[in-house]
Amino acid sequence: MTSVRLDKWLWAARFFKTRQLAKKAIEGGKVHYNGARAKTSKTVEVGAVIRVPQGWDIWEVEVVALSEQRRGAPEARELYRETAESEARRAQEAESRRQANQAMQHPLKRPDKKQRREIKRFQRGE
């Protein structure tokens, strides 16, 4: 395989569930190819670095192989290699999100009628 479109490669590497979602992310400027915004029809080359958003995380991967076909997840992981900086950054961000969630205290029960009135007064600025 000599050339593959960027949207097809992202779909085949299982970063997006459909090619349409990959296309929207690329056109929205969320996907960067070698540090610059890319077009959907950009041809992917082995060795290129692609930044792809995935939920809360941003993956920075190096293209190792090309494929136009969507295969199983283990085969899709062989198409790219995540950079060390990206792995470290994602782990650090995941840890900070985990700590932030632990710091929040969730109420043990729903507010009663009096507490709801107080919340509404507070929201209105009374």
C-alpha atoms as a PDB file:
ATOM      1  CA  MET A   1       0.000   0.000   0.000  1.00  0.00           C
ATOM      2  CA  THR A   2       1.502   3.320  -1.062  1.00  0.00           C
ATOM      3  CA  SER A   3      -1.036   5.986  -0.137  1.00  0.00           C
ATOM      4  CA  VAL A   4      -4.050   6.311   2.137  1.00  0.00           C
ATOM      5  CA  ARG A   5      -6.267   9.315   2.853  1.00  0.00           C
ATOM      6  CA  LEU A   6      -6.030  10.718   6.382  1.00  0.00           C
ATOM      7  CA  ASP A   7      -9.708  10.135   7.183  1.00  0.00           C
ATOM      8  CA  LYS A   8      -9.496   6.503   6.025  1.00  0.00           C
ATOM      9  CA  TRP A   9      -6.336   5.883   8.058  1.00  0.00           C
ATOM     10  CA  LEU A  10      -7.852   7.377  11.238  1.00  0.00           C
ATOM     11  CA  TRP A  11     -10.922   5.201  10.739  1.00  0.00           C
ATOM     12  CA  ALA A  12      -8.820   2.072  10.053  1.00  0.00           C
ATOM     13  CA  ALA A  13      -6.648   2.780  13.123  1.00  0.00           C
ATOM     14  CA  ARG A  14      -9.871   2.948  15.172  1.00  0.00           C
ATOM     15  CA  PHE A  15      -9.513   6.517  16.401  1.00  0.00           C
ATOM     16  CA  PHE A  16     -13.013   7.221  15.082  1.00  0.00           C
ATOM     17  CA  LYS A  17     -16.026   4.966  14.756  1.00  0.00           C
ATOM     18  CA  THR A  18     -16.951   6.193  11.272  1.00  0.00           C
ATOM     19  CA  ARG A  19     -15.172   7.981   8.449  1.00  0.00           C
ATOM     20  CA  GLN A  20     -17.737  10.771   8.744  1.00  0.00           C
ATOM     21  CA  LEU A  21     -16.662  11.448  12.357  1.00  0.00           C
ATOM     22  CA  ALA A  22     -13.015  11.435  11.274  1.00  0.00           C
ATOM     23  CA  LYS A  23     -13.834  13.876   8.479  1.00  0.00           C
ATOM     24  CA  LYS A  24     -15.653  16.245  10.866  1.00  0.00           C
ATOM     25  CA  ALA A  25     -12.726  16.215  13.316  1.00  0.00           C
ATOM     26  CA  ILE A  26     -10.224  16.936  10.536  1.00  0.00           C
ATOM     27  CA  GLU A  27     -12.341  19.722   9.021  1.00  0.00           C
ATOM     28  CA  GLY A  28     -12.904  21.175  12.498  1.00  0.00           C
ATOM     29  CA  GLY A  29      -9.151  21.603  12.949  1.00  0.00           C
ATOM     30  CA  LYS A  30      -8.860  19.072  15.750  1.00  0.00           C
ATOM     31  CA  VAL A  31      -6.485  16.697  13.924  1.00  0.00           C
ATOM     32  CA  HIS A  32      -2.939  17.886  13.186  1.00  0.00           C
ATOM     33  CA  TYR A  33      -0.606  16.196  10.710  1.00  0.00           C
ATOM     34  CA  ASN A  34       3.105  16.900  11.343  1.00  0.00           C
ATOM     35  CA  GLY A  35       2.203  19.921  13.479  1.00  0.00           C
ATOM     36  CA  ALA A  36      -0.170  21.598  11.017  1.00  0.00           C
ATOM     37  CA  ARG A  37      -3.889  21.423  10.334  1.00  0.00           C
ATOM     38  CA  ALA A  38      -4.659  18.909   7.651  1.00  0.00           C
ATOM     39  CA  LYS A  39      -7.321  18.310   5.037  1.00  0.00           C
ATOM     40  CA  THR A  40      -9.383  15.149   4.800  1.00  0.00           C
ATOM     41  CA  SER A  41      -7.715  14.060   1.573  1.00  0.00           C
ATOM     42  CA  LYS A  42      -4.161  14.435   2.896  1.00  0.00           C
ATOM     43  CA  THR A  43      -2.133  11.333   2.059  1.00  0.00           C
ATOM     44  CA  VAL A  44      -0.644   9.661   5.111  1.00  0.00           C
ATOM     45  CA  GLU A  45       3.006   8.646   5.032  1.00  0.00           C
ATOM     46  CA  VAL A  46       4.893   6.261   7.300  1.00  0.00           C
ATOM     47  CA  GLY A  47       6.799   8.240   9.934  1.00  0.00           C
ATOM     48  CA  ALA A  48       4.332  11.141  10.102  1.00  0.00           C
ATOM     49  CA  VAL A  49       3.212  12.434  13.501  1.00  0.00           C
ATOM     50  CA  ILE A  50      -0.527  12.883  13.979  1.00  0.00           C
ATOM     51  CA  ARG A  51      -2.293  14.557  16.927  1.00  0.00           C
ATOM     52  CA  VAL A  52      -5.768  13.131  17.471  1.00  0.00           C
ATOM     53  CA  PRO A  53      -8.306  14.088  20.183  1.00  0.00           C
ATOM     54  CA  GLN A  54      -9.968  11.166  21.986  1.00  0.00           C
ATOM     55  CA  GLY A  55     -12.452  12.275  24.627  1.00  0.00           C
ATOM     56  CA  TRP A  56     -10.501  14.124  27.317  1.00  0.00           C
ATOM     57  CA  ASP A  57      -7.124  13.033  25.931  1.00  0.00           C
ATOM     58  CA  ILE A  58      -5.028  14.080  22.960  1.00  0.00           C
ATOM     59  CA  TRP A  59      -3.040  11.266  21.376  1.00  0.00           C
ATOM     60  CA  GLU A  60       0.189  12.040  19.567  1.00  0.00           C
ATOM     61  CA  VAL A  61       1.065   9.046  17.394  1.00  0.00           C
ATOM     62  CA  GLU A  62       3.662   8.173  14.790  1.00  0.00           C
ATOM     63  CA  VAL A  63       2.407   6.306  11.731  1.00  0.00           C
ATOM     64  CA  VAL A  64       4.079   2.882  11.491  1.00  0.00           C
ATOM     65  CA  ALA A  65       1.968   1.215   8.782  1.00  0.00           C
ATOM     66  CA  LEU A  66      -0.776   2.088   6.300  1.00  0.00           C
ATOM     67  CA  SER A  67      -4.160   0.450   5.906  1.00  0.00           C
ATOM     68  CA  GLU A  68      -7.443   1.272   4.210  1.00  0.00           C
ATOM     69  CA  GLN A  69      -9.332  -1.548   5.888  1.00  0.00           C
ATOM     70  CA  ARG A  70     -10.726  -1.483   9.381  1.00  0.00           C
ATOM     71  CA  ARG A  71      -9.608  -4.575  11.274  1.00  0.00           C
ATOM     72  CA  GLY A  72      -9.692  -5.712  14.886  1.00  0.00           C
ATOM     73  CA  ALA A  73      -8.290  -3.538  17.645  1.00  0.00           C
ATOM     74  CA  PRO A  74      -5.034  -5.529  18.082  1.00  0.00           C
ATOM     75  CA  GLU A  75      -4.291  -5.162  14.364  1.00  0.00           C
ATOM     76  CA  ALA A  76      -5.249  -1.474  14.414  1.00  0.00           C
ATOM     77  CA  ARG A  77      -2.730  -0.791  17.214  1.00  0.00           C
ATOM     78  CA  GLU A  78       0.016  -2.026  14.893  1.00  0.00           C
ATOM     79  CA  LEU A  79      -0.637   0.903  12.532  1.00  0.00           C
ATOM     80  CA  TYR A  80       0.764   3.492  14.957  1.00  0.00           C
ATOM     81  CA  ARG A  81       3.080   4.004  17.924  1.00  0.00           C
ATOM     82  CA  GLU A  82       2.279   6.566  20.605  1.00  0.00           C
ATOM     83  CA  THR A  83       5.092   8.971  21.472  1.00  0.00           C
ATOM     84  CA  ALA A  84       6.611   8.853  24.958  1.00  0.00           C
ATOM     85  CA  GLU A  85       5.645  12.480  25.676  1.00  0.00           C
ATOM     86  CA  SER A  86       2.043  11.752  24.748  1.00  0.00           C
ATOM     87  CA  GLU A  87       1.888   8.708  27.034  1.00  0.00           C
ATOM     88  CA  ALA A  88       3.341  10.689  29.953  1.00  0.00           C
ATOM     89  CA  ARG A  89       1.014  13.665  29.369  1.00  0.00           C
ATOM     90  CA  ARG A  90      -2.089  11.446  29.123  1.00  0.00           C
ATOM     91  CA  ALA A  91      -1.139   9.589  32.326  1.00  0.00           C
ATOM     92  CA  GLN A  92      -0.558  12.858  34.182  1.00  0.00           C
ATOM     93  CA  GLU A  93      -3.868  14.348  32.995  1.00  0.00           C
ATOM     94  CA  ALA A  94      -5.747  11.167  33.926  1.00  0.00           C
ATOM     95  CA  GLU A  95      -4.217  11.281  37.413  1.00  0.00           C
ATOM     96  CA  SER A  96      -5.149  14.964  37.860  1.00  0.00           C
ATOM     97  CA  ARG A  97      -8.742  14.215  36.742  1.00  0.00           C
ATOM     98  CA  ARG A  98      -8.896  11.301  39.184  1.00  0.00           C
ATOM     99  CA  GLN A  99      -7.679  13.494  42.056  1.00  0.00           C
ATOM    100  CA  ALA A 100     -10.109  16.282  41.156  1.00  0.00           C
ATOM    101  CA  ASN A 101     -12.995  13.792  41.204  1.00  0.00           C
ATOM    102  CA  GLN A 102     -11.903  12.490  44.599  1.00  0.00           C
ATOM    103  CA  ALA A 103     -11.760  16.035  45.990  1.00  0.00           C
ATOM    104  CA  MET A 104     -15.413  16.641  45.113  1.00  0.00           C
ATOM    105  CA  GLN A 105     -17.808  15.534  47.787  1.00  0.00           C
ATOM    106  CA  HIS A 106     -20.998  14.112  46.424  1.00  0.00           C
ATOM    107  CA  PRO A 107     -24.085  14.515  48.576  1.00  0.00           C
ATOM    108  CA  LEU A 108     -25.255  11.424  50.392  1.00  0.00           C
ATOM    109  CA  LYS A 109     -28.890  12.143  49.519  1.00  0.00           C
ATOM    110  CA  ARG A 110     -31.006  14.450  47.410  1.00  0.00           C
ATOM    111  CA  PRO A 111     -31.799  17.882  48.884  1.00  0.00           C
ATOM    112  CA  ASP A 112     -35.089  18.150  50.727  1.00  0.00           C
ATOM    113  CA  LYS A 113     -37.678  20.868  50.097  1.00  0.00           C
ATOM    114  CA  LYS A 114     -36.080  23.413  52.434  1.00  0.00           C
ATOM    115  CA  GLN A 115     -32.627  22.866  50.946  1.00  0.00           C
ATOM    116  CA  ARG A 116     -34.005  23.210  47.396  1.00  0.00           C
ATOM    117  CA  ARG A 117     -35.557  26.575  48.341  1.00  0.00           C
ATOM    118  CA  GLU A 118     -32.220  27.717  49.762  1.00  0.00           C
ATOM    119  CA  ILE A 119     -30.429  26.625  46.584  1.00  0.00           C
ATOM    120  CA  LYS A 120     -32.912  28.573  44.430  1.00  0.00           C
ATOM    121  CA  ARG A 121     -32.518  31.668  46.614  1.00  0.00           C
ATOM    122  CA  PHE A 122     -28.746  31.398  46.313  1.00  0.00           C
ATOM    123  CA  GLN A 123     -28.950  31.048  42.511  1.00  0.00           C
ATOM    124  CA  ARG A 124     -31.182  34.098  42.203  1.00  0.00           C
ATOM    125  CA  GLY A 125     -28.739  36.097  44.342  1.00  0.00           C
ATOM    126  CA  GLU A 126     -31.046  36.803  47.281  1.00  0.00           C
END
